[in-house]
Structures are given as C-alpha cells and as structure tokens.
Amino acid sequence: MPNNTTKKHTNQNNMAKVTIEFDTNEEREDMESAINGWKWKMLVWDLDQHLRSELKYNSGNLTNEAYTALEKLREKLHELKSESGLSLD
C-alpha cells in the first residue's frame, strides 16, 4: 500500500523551504509577482506610513477636505488588506 504522507523539508534554521516552478515564458509575470511579493508589501506599508504621518503631523496644513480624503484612503487601504487576509506586520 503506498504511503500518501507528505514530508515537510526544513533547512537548518527550522524554516520551511518552498520551491515554485514556472515552466514557460508566458508564466514570467506570475514568477515575477511571486518573487517580488515582499516589494509590494513594503510599498503598501510605506504608503500606509506616509498617510499616517500626513494625518498625524501635517494636519494643520491640510484642508478639511484633504484631511478627510487621506483618512478615507487609509481606511480603505486597511479594509482591502483585511478583506484579502493580508498583514503589514
């Protein structure tokens, strides 16, 4: 009877090791997205921090409309992040 168990391969630091294969040039965009995911996370984190900073430290230079727009934008960013099951931590 075949053994259908899956073995988790780990490196010396007890971290999981993942191998992703892309076979064709058509999958190049998918490959780049997988490789650059951390860059997108940092970009969104930087945007969130910029919005936070503007709201906290530059509010005196913003019109009420601009402040409200930045506030709504930051709320929407957090809403979309949560709905996608993502974290910036």
PDB file of N, CA and C in Angstrom:
ATOM      1  N   MET A   1       0.853  -1.176   0.000  1.00  0.00           N
ATOM      2  CA  MET A   1       0.000   0.000   0.000  1.00  0.00           C
ATOM      3  C   MET A   1       0.899   1.240   0.000  1.00  0.00           C
ATOM      4  N   PRO A   2       0.672   2.210  -0.912  1.00  0.00           N
ATOM      5  CA  PRO A   2       1.537   3.388  -0.983  1.00  0.00           C
ATOM      6  C   PRO A   2       1.347   4.298   0.222  1.00  0.00           C
ATOM      7  N   ASN A   3       2.410   4.972   0.578  1.00  0.00           N
ATOM      8  CA  ASN A   3       2.386   5.916   1.692  1.00  0.00           C
ATOM      9  C   ASN A   3       2.054   7.299   1.134  1.00  0.00           C
ATOM     10  N   ASN A   4       0.915   7.864   1.495  1.00  0.00           N
ATOM     11  CA  ASN A   4       0.476   9.148   0.967  1.00  0.00           C
ATOM     12  C   ASN A   4       0.774  10.309   1.901  1.00  0.00           C
ATOM     13  N   THR A   5       1.702  10.132   2.824  1.00  0.00           N
ATOM     14  CA  THR A   5       2.031  11.225   3.732  1.00  0.00           C
ATOM     15  C   THR A   5       2.946  12.210   3.036  1.00  0.00           C
ATOM     16  N   THR A   6       2.880  13.435   3.455  1.00  0.00           N
ATOM     17  CA  THR A   6       3.719  14.498   2.914  1.00  0.00           C
ATOM     18  C   THR A   6       4.786  14.835   3.934  1.00  0.00           C
ATOM     19  N   LYS A   7       6.022  14.935   3.485  1.00  0.00           N
ATOM     20  CA  LYS A   7       7.114  15.301   4.374  1.00  0.00           C
ATOM     21  C   LYS A   7       7.414  16.779   4.195  1.00  0.00           C
ATOM     22  N   LYS A   8       7.583  17.457   5.298  1.00  0.00           N
ATOM     23  CA  LYS A   8       7.964  18.864   5.273  1.00  0.00           C
ATOM     24  C   LYS A   8       9.485  18.927   5.321  1.00  0.00           C
ATOM     25  N   HIS A   9      10.070  19.533   4.321  1.00  0.00           N
ATOM     26  CA  HIS A   9      11.511  19.698   4.287  1.00  0.00           C
ATOM     27  C   HIS A   9      11.855  21.021   4.948  1.00  0.00           C
ATOM     28  N   THR A  10      12.808  20.993   5.858  1.00  0.00           N
ATOM     29  CA  THR A  10      13.209  22.218   6.530  1.00  0.00           C
ATOM     30  C   THR A  10      14.696  22.426   6.387  1.00  0.00           C
ATOM     31  N   ASN A  11      15.118  23.684   6.453  1.00  0.00           N
ATOM     32  CA  ASN A  11      16.545  23.977   6.415  1.00  0.00           C
ATOM     33  C   ASN A  11      17.087  23.976   7.841  1.00  0.00           C
ATOM     34  N   GLN A  12      18.338  24.339   8.024  1.00  0.00           N
ATOM     35  CA  GLN A  12      18.974  24.277   9.336  1.00  0.00           C
ATOM     36  C   GLN A  12      18.328  25.198  10.366  1.00  0.00           C
ATOM     37  N   ASN A  13      17.686  26.254   9.952  1.00  0.00           N
ATOM     38  CA  ASN A  13      17.056  27.203  10.870  1.00  0.00           C
ATOM     39  C   ASN A  13      15.620  26.821  11.198  1.00  0.00           C
ATOM     40  N   ASN A  14      15.211  25.622  10.810  1.00  0.00           N
ATOM     41  CA  ASN A  14      13.859  25.142  11.057  1.00  0.00           C
ATOM     42  C   ASN A  14      12.807  25.956  10.316  1.00  0.00           C
ATOM     43  N   MET A  15      13.195  26.575   9.230  1.00  0.00           N
ATOM     44  CA  MET A  15      12.266  27.344   8.403  1.00  0.00           C
ATOM     45  C   MET A  15      11.795  26.459   7.255  1.00  0.00           C
ATOM     46  N   ALA A  16      10.545  26.591   6.865  1.00  0.00           N
ATOM     47  CA  ALA A  16      10.032  25.817   5.745  1.00  0.00           C
ATOM     48  C   ALA A  16      10.707  26.275   4.457  1.00  0.00           C
ATOM     49  N   LYS A  17      10.944  25.335   3.581  1.00  0.00           N
ATOM     50  CA  LYS A  17      11.562  25.623   2.296  1.00  0.00           C
ATOM     51  C   LYS A  17      10.513  25.379   1.219  1.00  0.00           C
ATOM     52  N   VAL A  18      10.324  26.349   0.342  1.00  0.00           N
ATOM     53  CA  VAL A  18       9.307  26.254  -0.697  1.00  0.00           C
ATOM     54  C   VAL A  18       9.983  26.374  -2.056  1.00  0.00           C
ATOM     55  N   THR A  19       9.603  25.513  -2.974  1.00  0.00           N
ATOM     56  CA  THR A  19      10.095  25.586  -4.340  1.00  0.00           C
ATOM     57  C   THR A  19       8.912  25.865  -5.251  1.00  0.00           C
ATOM     58  N   ILE A  20       9.030  26.911  -6.053  1.00  0.00           N
ATOM     59  CA  ILE A  20       7.986  27.270  -7.017  1.00  0.00           C
ATOM     60  C   ILE A  20       8.600  27.157  -8.400  1.00  0.00           C
ATOM     61  N   GLU A  21       7.926  26.446  -9.288  1.00  0.00           N
ATOM     62  CA  GLU A  21       8.440  26.283 -10.644  1.00  0.00           C
ATOM     63  C   GLU A  21       7.496  26.930 -11.645  1.00  0.00           C
ATOM     64  N   PHE A  22       8.098  27.628 -12.614  1.00  0.00           N
ATOM     65  CA  PHE A  22       7.364  28.220 -13.714  1.00  0.00           C
ATOM     66  C   PHE A  22       7.986  27.678 -14.989  1.00  0.00           C
ATOM     67  N   ASP A  23       7.172  27.094 -15.849  1.00  0.00           N
ATOM     68  CA  ASP A  23       7.698  26.340 -16.979  1.00  0.00           C
ATOM     69  C   ASP A  23       7.820  27.125 -18.282  1.00  0.00           C
ATOM     70  N   THR A  24       7.062  28.169 -18.466  1.00  0.00           N
ATOM     71  CA  THR A  24       7.055  28.828 -19.775  1.00  0.00           C
ATOM     72  C   THR A  24       7.279  30.330 -19.634  1.00  0.00           C
ATOM     73  N   ASN A  25       7.608  30.943 -20.749  1.00  0.00           N
ATOM     74  CA  ASN A  25       7.772  32.402 -20.759  1.00  0.00           C
ATOM     75  C   ASN A  25       6.457  33.106 -20.458  1.00  0.00           C
ATOM     76  N   GLU A  26       5.338  32.460 -20.790  1.00  0.00           N
ATOM     77  CA  GLU A  26       4.033  33.053 -20.512  1.00  0.00           C
ATOM     78  C   GLU A  26       3.803  33.192 -19.007  1.00  0.00           C
ATOM     79  N   GLU A  27       4.476  32.374 -18.225  1.00  0.00           N
ATOM     80  CA  GLU A  27       4.325  32.420 -16.776  1.00  0.00           C
ATOM     81  C   GLU A  27       5.315  33.377 -16.123  1.00  0.00           C
ATOM     82  N   ARG A  28       6.074  34.115 -16.917  1.00  0.00           N
ATOM     83  CA  ARG A  28       7.095  35.015 -16.389  1.00  0.00           C
ATOM     84  C   ARG A  28       6.496  36.069 -15.455  1.00  0.00           C
ATOM     85  N   GLU A  29       5.348  36.631 -15.823  1.00  0.00           N
ATOM     86  CA  GLU A  29       4.704  37.645 -14.973  1.00  0.00           C
ATOM     87  C   GLU A  29       4.311  37.044 -13.622  1.00  0.00           C
ATOM     88  N   ASP A  30       3.802  35.812 -13.630  1.00  0.00           N
ATOM     89  CA  ASP A  30       3.462  35.131 -12.376  1.00  0.00           C
ATOM     90  C   ASP A  30       4.711  34.917 -11.533  1.00  0.00           C
ATOM     91  N   MET A  31       5.809  34.544 -12.185  1.00  0.00           N
ATOM     92  CA  MET A  31       7.058  34.319 -11.475  1.00  0.00           C
ATOM     93  C   MET A  31       7.538  35.623 -10.832  1.00  0.00           C
ATOM     94  N   GLU A  32       7.506  36.702 -11.593  1.00  0.00           N
ATOM     95  CA  GLU A  32       7.966  37.981 -11.066  1.00  0.00           C
ATOM     96  C   GLU A  32       7.086  38.446  -9.915  1.00  0.00           C
ATOM     97  N   SER A  33       5.786  38.208 -10.000  1.00  0.00           N
ATOM     98  CA  SER A  33       4.887  38.555  -8.895  1.00  0.00           C
ATOM     99  C   SER A  33       5.231  37.760  -7.647  1.00  0.00           C
ATOM    100  N   ALA A  34       5.525  36.472  -7.815  1.00  0.00           N
ATOM    101  CA  ALA A  34       5.879  35.636  -6.671  1.00  0.00           C
ATOM    102  C   ALA A  34       7.191  36.093  -6.043  1.00  0.00           C
ATOM    103  N   ILE A  35       8.145  36.418  -6.867  1.00  0.00           N
ATOM    104  CA  ILE A  35       9.459  36.833  -6.368  1.00  0.00           C
ATOM    105  C   ILE A  35       9.399  38.219  -5.729  1.00  0.00           C
ATOM    106  N   ASN A  36       8.591  39.109  -6.276  1.00  0.00           N
ATOM    107  CA  ASN A  36       8.558  40.497  -5.810  1.00  0.00           C
ATOM    108  C   ASN A  36       7.448  40.789  -4.818  1.00  0.00           C
ATOM    109  N   GLY A  37       6.804  39.772  -4.270  1.00  0.00           N
ATOM    110  CA  GLY A  37       5.723  39.988  -3.315  1.00  0.00           C
ATOM    111  C   GLY A  37       6.140  40.837  -2.132  1.00  0.00           C
ATOM    112  N   TRP A  38       7.334  40.615  -1.628  1.00  0.00           N
ATOM    113  CA  TRP A  38       7.827  41.390  -0.480  1.00  0.00           C
ATOM    114  C   TRP A  38       7.973  42.869  -0.830  1.00  0.00           C
ATOM    115  N   LYS A  39       8.288  43.167  -2.096  1.00  0.00           N
ATOM    116  CA  LYS A  39       8.406  44.568  -2.513  1.00  0.00           C
ATOM    117  C   LYS A  39       7.046  45.258  -2.485  1.00  0.00           C
ATOM    118  N   TRP A  40       6.013  44.508  -2.929  1.00  0.00           N
ATOM    119  CA  TRP A  40       4.666  45.074  -2.889  1.00  0.00           C
ATOM    120  C   TRP A  40       4.230  45.311  -1.446  1.00  0.00           C
ATOM    121  N   LYS A  41       4.567  44.381  -0.562  1.00  0.00           N
ATOM    122  CA  LYS A  41       4.229  44.545   0.853  1.00  0.00           C
ATOM    123  C   LYS A  41       4.881  45.803   1.404  1.00  0.00           C
ATOM    124  N   MET A  42       6.150  46.014   1.100  1.00  0.00           N
ATOM    125  CA  MET A  42       6.861  47.195   1.589  1.00  0.00           C
ATOM    126  C   MET A  42       6.297  48.481   0.974  1.00  0.00           C
ATOM    127  N   LEU A  43       5.915  48.424  -0.295  1.00  0.00           N
ATOM    128  CA  LEU A  43       5.319  49.589  -0.944  1.00  0.00           C
ATOM    129  C   LEU A  43       4.025  49.983  -0.245  1.00  0.00           C
ATOM    130  N   VAL A  44       3.167  49.019   0.048  1.00  0.00           N
ATOM    131  CA  VAL A  44       1.902  49.301   0.726  1.00  0.00           C
ATOM    132  C   VAL A  44       2.166  49.788   2.144  1.00  0.00           C
ATOM    133  N   TRP A  45       3.147  49.187   2.834  1.00  0.00           N
ATOM    134  CA  TRP A  45       3.491  49.618   4.184  1.00  0.00           C
ATOM    135  C   TRP A  45       3.989  51.062   4.162  1.00  0.00           C
ATOM    136  N   ASP A  46       4.858  51.397   3.198  1.00  0.00           N
ATOM    137  CA  ASP A  46       5.360  52.773   3.077  1.00  0.00           C
ATOM    138  C   ASP A  46       4.222  53.760   2.813  1.00  0.00           C
ATOM    139  N   LEU A  47       3.288  53.372   1.946  1.00  0.00           N
ATOM    140  CA  LEU A  47       2.139  54.233   1.664  1.00  0.00           C
ATOM    141  C   LEU A  47       1.302  54.438   2.921  1.00  0.00           C
ATOM    142  N   ASP A  48       1.048  53.371   3.665  1.00  0.00           N
ATOM    143  CA  ASP A  48       0.280  53.471   4.901  1.00  0.00           C
ATOM    144  C   ASP A  48       0.979  54.397   5.892  1.00  0.00           C
ATOM    145  N   GLN A  49       2.293  54.264   6.030  1.00  0.00           N
ATOM    146  CA  GLN A  49       3.049  55.107   6.954  1.00  0.00           C
ATOM    147  C   GLN A  49       3.050  56.571   6.496  1.00  0.00           C
ATOM    148  N   HIS A  50       3.108  56.796   5.206  1.00  0.00           N
ATOM    149  CA  HIS A  50       3.050  58.166   4.687  1.00  0.00           C
ATOM    150  C   HIS A  50       1.693  58.802   5.004  1.00  0.00           C
ATOM    151  N   LEU A  51       0.623  58.047   4.755  1.00  0.00           N
ATOM    152  CA  LEU A  51      -0.715  58.563   5.062  1.00  0.00           C
ATOM    153  C   LEU A  51      -0.852  58.838   6.554  1.00  0.00           C
ATOM    154  N   ARG A  52      -0.360  57.929   7.387  1.00  0.00           N
ATOM    155  CA  ARG A  52      -0.401  58.121   8.846  1.00  0.00           C
ATOM    156  C   ARG A  52       0.341  59.384   9.241  1.00  0.00           C
ATOM    157  N   SER A  53       1.524  59.570   8.684  1.00  0.00           N
ATOM    158  CA  SER A  53       2.342  60.737   9.004  1.00  0.00           C
ATOM    159  C   SER A  53       1.663  62.036   8.584  1.00  0.00           C
ATOM    160  N   GLU A  54       1.093  62.047   7.401  1.00  0.00           N
ATOM    161  CA  GLU A  54       0.389  63.241   6.925  1.00  0.00           C
ATOM    162  C   GLU A  54      -0.779  63.588   7.847  1.00  0.00           C
ATOM    163  N   LEU A  55      -1.534  62.578   8.241  1.00  0.00           N
ATOM    164  CA  LEU A  55      -2.690  62.807   9.105  1.00  0.00           C
ATOM    165  C   LEU A  55      -2.267  63.248  10.508  1.00  0.00           C
ATOM    166  N   LYS A  56      -1.182  62.703  11.007  1.00  0.00           N
ATOM    167  CA  LYS A  56      -0.757  62.989  12.376  1.00  0.00           C
ATOM    168  C   LYS A  56       0.054  64.277  12.497  1.00  0.00           C
ATOM    169  N   TYR A  57       0.980  64.491  11.559  1.00  0.00           N
ATOM    170  CA  TYR A  57       1.931  65.588  11.713  1.00  0.00           C
ATOM    171  C   TYR A  57       1.722  66.763  10.766  1.00  0.00           C
ATOM    172  N   ASN A  58       0.901  66.593   9.750  1.00  0.00           N
ATOM    173  CA  ASN A  58       0.716  67.665   8.771  1.00  0.00           C
ATOM    174  C   ASN A  58      -0.738  68.108   8.688  1.00  0.00           C
ATOM    175  N   SER A  59      -1.536  67.709   9.642  1.00  0.00           N
ATOM    176  CA  SER A  59      -2.968  68.008   9.571  1.00  0.00           C
ATOM    177  C   SER A  59      -3.250  69.513   9.573  1.00  0.00           C
ATOM    178  N   GLY A  60      -2.392  70.289  10.207  1.00  0.00           N
ATOM    179  CA  GLY A  60      -2.595  71.741  10.234  1.00  0.00           C
ATOM    180  C   GLY A  60      -2.431  72.398   8.886  1.00  0.00           C
ATOM    181  N   ASN A  61      -1.741  71.748   7.974  1.00  0.00           N
ATOM    182  CA  ASN A  61      -1.532  72.295   6.635  1.00  0.00           C
ATOM    183  C   ASN A  61      -2.518  71.752   5.607  1.00  0.00           C
ATOM    184  N   LEU A  62      -3.423  70.879   6.053  1.00  0.00           N
ATOM    185  CA  LEU A  62      -4.390  70.262   5.142  1.00  0.00           C
ATOM    186  C   LEU A  62      -5.754  70.912   5.294  1.00  0.00           C
ATOM    187  N   THR A  63      -6.453  71.037   4.177  1.00  0.00           N
ATOM    188  CA  THR A  63      -7.842  71.477   4.253  1.00  0.00           C
ATOM    189  C   THR A  63      -8.649  70.334   4.869  1.00  0.00           C
ATOM    190  N   ASN A  64      -9.835  70.664   5.344  1.00  0.00           N
ATOM    191  CA  ASN A  64     -10.714  69.617   5.893  1.00  0.00           C
ATOM    192  C   ASN A  64     -10.989  68.537   4.855  1.00  0.00           C
ATOM    193  N   GLU A  65     -11.177  68.972   3.604  1.00  0.00           N
ATOM    194  CA  GLU A  65     -11.464  68.018   2.527  1.00  0.00           C
ATOM    195  C   GLU A  65     -10.266  67.104   2.273  1.00  0.00           C
ATOM    196  N   ALA A  66      -9.064  67.671   2.277  1.00  0.00           N
ATOM    197  CA  ALA A  66      -7.856  66.874   2.056  1.00  0.00           C
ATOM    198  C   ALA A  66      -7.641  65.899   3.212  1.00  0.00           C
ATOM    199  N   TYR A  67      -7.829  66.364   4.428  1.00  0.00           N
ATOM    200  CA  TYR A  67      -7.669  65.500   5.601  1.00  0.00           C
ATOM    201  C   TYR A  67      -8.643  64.334   5.534  1.00  0.00           C
ATOM    202  N   THR A  68      -9.897  64.634   5.227  1.00  0.00           N
ATOM    203  CA  THR A  68     -10.928  63.592   5.132  1.00  0.00           C
ATOM    204  C   THR A  68     -10.600  62.612   4.018  1.00  0.00           C
ATOM    205  N   ALA A  69     -10.109  63.113   2.888  1.00  0.00           N
ATOM    206  CA  ALA A  69      -9.757  62.240   1.766  1.00  0.00           C
ATOM    207  C   ALA A  69      -8.615  61.298   2.152  1.00  0.00           C
ATOM    208  N   LEU A  70      -7.579  61.811   2.820  1.00  0.00           N
ATOM    209  CA  LEU A  70      -6.464  60.969   3.251  1.00  0.00           C
ATOM    210  C   LEU A  70      -6.920  59.937   4.278  1.00  0.00           C
ATOM    211  N   GLU A  71      -7.788  60.359   5.172  1.00  0.00           N
ATOM    212  CA  GLU A  71      -8.318  59.463   6.198  1.00  0.00           C
ATOM    213  C   GLU A  71      -9.109  58.319   5.560  1.00  0.00           C
ATOM    214  N   LYS A  72      -9.968  58.668   4.600  1.00  0.00           N
ATOM    215  CA  LYS A  72     -10.766  57.649   3.911  1.00  0.00           C
ATOM    216  C   LYS A  72      -9.877  56.714   3.097  1.00  0.00           C
ATOM    217  N   LEU A  73      -8.845  57.266   2.474  1.00  0.00           N
ATOM    218  CA  LEU A  73      -7.914  56.449   1.694  1.00  0.00           C
ATOM    219  C   LEU A  73      -7.204  55.445   2.593  1.00  0.00           C
ATOM    220  N   ARG A  74      -6.748  55.888   3.749  1.00  0.00           N
ATOM    221  CA  ARG A  74      -6.062  54.980   4.679  1.00  0.00           C
ATOM    222  C   ARG A  74      -7.024  53.919   5.202  1.00  0.00           C
ATOM    223  N   GLU A  75      -8.256  54.306   5.510  1.00  0.00           N
ATOM    224  CA  GLU A  75      -9.261  53.337   5.961  1.00  0.00           C
ATOM    225  C   GLU A  75      -9.528  52.292   4.879  1.00  0.00           C
ATOM    226  N   LYS A  76      -9.628  52.732   3.625  1.00  0.00           N
ATOM    227  CA  LYS A  76      -9.881  51.808   2.511  1.00  0.00           C
ATOM    228  C   LYS A  76      -8.706  50.860   2.331  1.00  0.00           C
ATOM    229  N   LEU A  77      -7.493  51.369   2.468  1.00  0.00           N
ATOM    230  CA  LEU A  77      -6.301  50.534   2.372  1.00  0.00           C
ATOM    231  C   LEU A  77      -6.347  49.417   3.420  1.00  0.00           C
ATOM    232  N   HIS A  78      -6.700  49.756   4.652  1.00  0.00           N
ATOM    233  CA  HIS A  78      -6.788  48.767   5.727  1.00  0.00           C
ATOM    234  C   HIS A  78      -7.948  47.795   5.504  1.00  0.00           C
ATOM    235  N   GLU A  79      -9.046  48.298   4.974  1.00  0.00           N
ATOM    236  CA  GLU A  79     -10.201  47.447   4.679  1.00  0.00           C
ATOM    237  C   GLU A  79      -9.832  46.399   3.620  1.00  0.00           C
ATOM    238  N   LEU A  80      -9.198  46.846   2.533  1.00  0.00           N
ATOM    239  CA  LEU A  80      -8.811  45.925   1.465  1.00  0.00           C
ATOM    240  C   LEU A  80      -7.780  44.911   1.952  1.00  0.00           C
ATOM    241  N   LYS A  81      -6.858  45.357   2.770  1.00  0.00           N
ATOM    242  CA  LYS A  81      -5.838  44.481   3.346  1.00  0.00           C
ATOM    243  C   LYS A  81      -6.507  43.393   4.180  1.00  0.00           C
ATOM    244  N   SER A  82      -7.440  43.783   5.026  1.00  0.00           N
ATOM    245  CA  SER A  82      -8.130  42.821   5.895  1.00  0.00           C
ATOM    246  C   SER A  82      -8.986  41.843   5.085  1.00  0.00           C
ATOM    247  N   GLU A  83      -9.701  42.354   4.094  1.00  0.00           N
ATOM    248  CA  GLU A  83     -10.542  41.503   3.259  1.00  0.00           C
ATOM    249  C   GLU A  83      -9.717  40.479   2.493  1.00  0.00           C
ATOM    250  N   SER A  84      -8.473  40.823   2.186  1.00  0.00           N
ATOM    251  CA  SER A  84      -7.594  39.923   1.452  1.00  0.00           C
ATOM    252  C   SER A  84      -6.842  38.972   2.369  1.00  0.00           C
ATOM    253  N   GLY A  85      -7.024  39.130   3.674  1.00  0.00           N
ATOM    254  CA  GLY A  85      -6.331  38.281   4.630  1.00  0.00           C
ATOM    255  C   GLY A  85      -4.840  38.585   4.709  1.00  0.00           C
ATOM    256  N   LEU A  86      -4.472  39.816   4.409  1.00  0.00           N
ATOM    257  CA  LEU A  86      -3.061  40.208   4.423  1.00  0.00           C
ATOM    258  C   LEU A  86      -2.729  40.992   5.668  1.00  0.00           C
ATOM    259  N   SER A  87      -1.438  41.048   5.968  1.00  0.00           N
ATOM    260  CA  SER A  87      -0.959  41.761   7.131  1.00  0.00           C
ATOM    261  C   SER A  87       0.272  42.556   6.731  1.00  0.00           C
ATOM    262  N   LEU A  88       0.439  43.715   7.338  1.00  0.00           N
ATOM    263  CA  LEU A  88       1.640  44.521   7.099  1.00  0.00           C
ATOM    264  C   LEU A  88       2.649  44.339   8.226  1.00  0.00           C
ATOM    265  N   ASP A  89       2.355  43.463   9.162  1.00  0.00           N
ATOM    266  CA  ASP A  89       3.272  43.199  10.285  1.00  0.00           C
ATOM    267  C   ASP A  89       4.448  42.388   9.835  1.00  0.00           C
TER     268      ASP A  89
END
